[in-house]
Protein backbone atom coordinates (compact mmCIF):
# COMPACT_ATOMS: atom_id res chain seq x y z
CA UNK A 1 -74.18 12.92 55.74
CA UNK A 2 -76.78 11.81 58.57
CA UNK A 3 -80.36 11.56 56.99
CA UNK A 4 -81.81 15.09 58.00
CA UNK A 5 -84.99 13.25 59.19
CA UNK A 6 -83.12 11.19 61.78
CA UNK A 7 -81.42 14.35 62.72
CA UNK A 8 -84.80 16.09 63.30
CA UNK A 9 -86.09 13.04 65.15
CA UNK A 10 -82.83 13.13 67.35
CA UNK A 11 -83.31 16.99 68.06
CA UNK A 12 -86.95 16.46 68.82
CA UNK A 13 -86.03 13.89 71.20
CA UNK A 14 -83.76 16.15 73.02
CA UNK A 15 -86.28 18.94 73.09
CA UNK A 16 -88.91 16.64 74.69
CA UNK A 17 -86.30 15.35 77.14
CA UNK A 18 -85.67 19.25 78.17
CA UNK A 19 -89.33 19.34 78.83
CA UNK A 20 -89.99 21.58 75.86
CA UNK A 21 -93.84 22.35 75.24
CA UNK A 22 -93.09 23.07 71.75
CA UNK A 23 -91.50 19.71 71.25
CA UNK A 24 -95.11 18.18 70.04
CA UNK A 25 -96.37 20.98 67.96
CA UNK A 26 -95.40 22.68 64.52
CA UNK A 27 -96.54 25.68 62.66
CA UNK A 28 -98.55 24.62 59.47
CA UNK A 29 -98.17 27.38 56.63
CA UNK A 30 -100.31 27.16 53.60
CA UNK A 31 -102.05 29.76 51.11
CA UNK A 32 -105.72 30.16 51.21
CA UNK A 33 -108.31 30.69 48.28
CA UNK A 34 -107.80 34.41 48.11
CA UNK A 35 -103.81 33.90 47.94
CA UNK A 36 -103.23 35.06 51.34
CA UNK A 37 -100.56 32.97 53.66
CA UNK A 38 -102.23 31.35 56.59
CA UNK A 39 -100.16 29.79 59.31
CA UNK A 40 -101.60 27.63 62.50
CA UNK A 41 -100.21 25.69 65.22
CA UNK A 42 -101.01 22.12 65.09
CA UNK A 43 -99.78 18.91 66.79
CA UNK A 44 -97.15 16.99 64.66
CA UNK A 45 -97.55 13.38 65.32
CA UNK A 46 -95.34 10.35 64.69
CA UNK A 47 -96.79 7.34 62.95
CA UNK A 48 -95.66 4.14 61.63
CA UNK A 49 -96.31 3.91 57.85
CA UNK A 50 -95.57 0.67 55.82
CA UNK A 51 -93.00 -0.35 58.71
CA UNK A 52 -91.04 3.08 58.78
CA UNK A 53 -91.36 6.16 61.18
CA UNK A 54 -93.30 9.09 59.41
CA UNK A 55 -94.44 12.56 60.41
CA UNK A 56 -98.15 13.27 60.27
CA UNK A 57 -100.84 15.80 60.60
CA UNK A 58 -104.51 14.96 62.01
CA UNK A 59 -107.04 17.51 60.29
CA UNK A 60 -110.83 17.52 60.20
CA UNK A 61 -111.91 17.62 56.51
CA UNK A 62 -114.22 20.48 57.42
CA UNK A 63 -111.33 22.66 58.25
CA UNK A 64 -110.07 25.34 55.74
CA UNK A 65 -106.43 24.08 56.16
CA UNK A 66 -107.75 20.59 54.72
CA UNK A 67 -109.10 22.57 51.55
CA UNK A 68 -105.85 24.45 51.27
CA UNK A 69 -103.72 21.46 51.34
CA UNK A 70 -106.23 19.76 48.97
CA UNK A 71 -105.55 22.78 46.43
CA UNK A 72 -101.69 22.90 46.68
CA UNK A 73 -98.89 20.77 45.71
CA UNK A 74 -97.05 21.82 48.83
CA UNK A 75 -96.98 23.38 52.31
CA UNK A 76 -94.30 24.72 55.02
CA UNK A 77 -93.83 23.26 58.48
CA UNK A 78 -91.84 24.77 61.01
CA UNK A 79 -90.84 24.11 64.32
CA UNK A 80 -88.77 25.96 67.09
CA UNK A 81 -87.45 24.46 70.11
CA UNK A 82 -86.46 27.16 72.40
CA UNK A 83 -85.02 24.46 75.08
CA UNK A 84 -82.36 23.28 72.67
CA UNK A 85 -82.12 26.36 70.59
CA UNK A 86 -83.14 24.65 67.18
CA UNK A 87 -85.58 25.82 64.45
CA UNK A 88 -86.46 23.63 61.18
CA UNK A 89 -88.38 24.61 58.23
CA UNK A 90 -89.54 22.00 55.85
CA UNK A 91 -91.10 22.17 52.60
CA UNK A 92 -93.71 19.29 52.59
CA UNK A 93 -95.92 17.22 50.52
CA UNK A 94 -98.84 15.45 51.76
CA UNK A 95 -100.83 12.28 51.31
CA UNK A 96 -103.73 10.66 52.77
CA UNK A 97 -103.14 8.59 55.93
CA UNK A 98 -104.98 5.23 56.11
CA UNK A 99 -108.33 6.00 57.76
CA UNK A 100 -107.84 2.81 59.91
CA UNK A 101 -104.91 4.12 61.41
CA UNK A 102 -106.69 7.75 61.68
CA UNK A 103 -109.50 5.90 63.84
CA UNK A 104 -107.05 4.19 65.92
CA UNK A 105 -105.02 7.18 67.07
CA UNK A 106 -108.12 9.07 67.25
CA UNK A 107 -109.12 7.11 70.17
CA UNK A 108 -105.88 8.71 72.19
CA UNK A 109 -107.06 12.17 71.87
CA UNK A 110 -108.77 14.09 75.11
CA UNK A 111 -112.51 14.28 74.88
CA UNK A 112 -113.00 17.82 74.11
CA UNK A 113 -111.04 17.46 70.89
CA UNK A 114 -112.87 14.64 70.00
CA UNK A 115 -116.29 16.10 70.55
CA UNK A 116 -115.08 18.96 68.51
CA UNK A 117 -114.53 16.75 65.59
CA UNK A 118 -118.21 15.88 65.93
CA UNK A 119 -119.24 19.78 66.22
CA UNK A 120 -117.59 20.51 63.15
CA UNK A 121 -120.44 18.63 61.19
CA UNK A 122 -122.60 21.42 62.47
CA UNK A 123 -120.11 24.49 62.44
CA UNK A 124 -117.21 24.14 60.12
CA UNK A 125 -113.91 24.86 61.86
CA UNK A 126 -113.19 28.67 61.69
CA UNK A 127 -116.86 29.50 61.21
CA UNK A 128 -118.22 32.30 63.10
CA UNK A 129 -120.44 31.91 66.22
CA UNK A 130 -122.17 34.13 68.51
CA UNK A 131 -119.52 33.77 71.40
CA UNK A 132 -117.69 31.43 73.57
CA UNK A 133 -120.27 30.88 75.56
CA UNK A 134 -122.46 29.47 72.81
CA UNK A 135 -119.96 27.51 71.53
CA UNK A 136 -119.43 25.71 74.93
CA UNK A 137 -123.23 25.34 75.31
CA UNK A 138 -123.45 23.65 71.67
CA UNK A 139 -120.52 21.66 72.90
CA UNK A 140 -122.07 20.41 75.92
CA UNK A 141 -125.54 19.47 74.35
CA UNK A 142 -123.89 17.76 71.44
CA UNK A 143 -125.12 14.28 70.76
CA UNK A 144 -122.39 11.78 69.74
CA UNK A 145 -122.27 8.24 69.27
CA UNK A 146 -121.60 5.83 71.86
CA UNK A 147 -119.10 4.56 71.94
CA UNK A 148 -117.44 7.48 70.85
CA UNK A 149 -115.57 7.05 67.50
CA UNK A 150 -113.87 9.35 64.82
CA UNK A 151 -116.43 10.67 62.30
CA UNK A 152 -115.57 10.34 58.54
CA UNK A 153 -114.25 13.73 58.55
CA UNK A 154 -111.38 12.95 60.97
CA UNK A 155 -108.38 12.70 58.46
CA UNK A 156 -104.73 12.29 58.35
CA UNK A 157 -102.09 13.45 56.30
CA UNK A 158 -98.60 12.00 56.06
CA UNK A 159 -95.85 14.74 55.68
CA UNK A 160 -93.33 13.96 52.68
CA UNK A 161 -90.29 16.21 53.29
CA UNK A 162 -88.80 17.56 50.00
CA UNK A 163 -86.65 20.39 51.83
CA UNK A 164 -85.44 20.63 55.37
CA UNK A 165 -83.67 23.47 56.91
CA UNK A 166 -81.77 23.32 60.37
CA UNK A 167 -81.10 26.37 62.15
CA UNK A 168 -78.71 25.70 65.13
CA UNK A 169 -78.63 28.68 67.51
CA UNK A 170 -76.03 27.31 69.98
CA UNK A 171 -72.88 28.12 68.25
CA UNK A 172 -70.47 29.67 71.05
CA UNK A 173 -69.18 32.18 68.34
CA UNK A 174 -72.64 33.41 67.50
CA UNK A 175 -72.76 32.60 63.90
CA UNK A 176 -75.77 30.36 63.54
CA UNK A 177 -75.18 27.07 61.85
CA UNK A 178 -77.81 26.76 58.82
CA UNK A 179 -77.86 23.79 56.60
CA UNK A 180 -80.45 23.04 53.86
CA UNK A 181 -81.15 19.66 52.59
CA UNK A 182 -83.08 19.11 49.62
CA UNK A 183 -84.57 15.66 48.39
CA UNK A 184 -83.34 15.15 44.74
CA UNK A 185 -84.21 11.79 42.86
CA UNK A 186 -84.41 9.89 46.29
CA UNK A 187 -81.31 11.32 47.64
CA UNK A 188 -80.51 13.92 50.26
CA UNK A 189 -78.10 16.77 48.98
CA UNK A 190 -76.72 19.36 51.54
CA UNK A 191 -75.88 22.90 51.23
CA UNK A 192 -74.49 25.27 54.09
CA UNK A 193 -76.45 28.47 53.92
CA UNK A 194 -75.38 31.86 55.28
CA UNK A 195 -77.67 32.44 58.38
């Protein structure tokens, strides 16, 4: 049996090679303090941690999703790559990423998201603002440090996958191939699921 995370990375590379715009993102699903499900699209990053490749998310600590992840044992990450007709659903746990790695990676972000991380000091992510014009004005007038560095609230989370389901929609007979891998005592167990 192939390591399901290695399969995920190989499939993701196929999607990237096909120019799939979804190959760089995922949908993170959590539950908020009211018990409502929340889902949002985030960049899914590859990082090296302890000399091994890992998946990670970068999130501002002022974001509601940060609080949702801090108050839960798990979350769900989903990806769909139309170019290769593959869908993954992963049950995950998270752990804090080394702040030094976050600060280094943060430097590769475009300028606008960097400035947004600093704006969150004044207006937490997902809070209401008068309108887009006001948002852009505040962003334009924002005083940021020079050189531009990551604020302390710029955080990273390593993803620890506990279940990973792969749905392959490319079967010539029309019956999708659906496989679930579950991590049990450090070993992956595989089940074929009815699609």
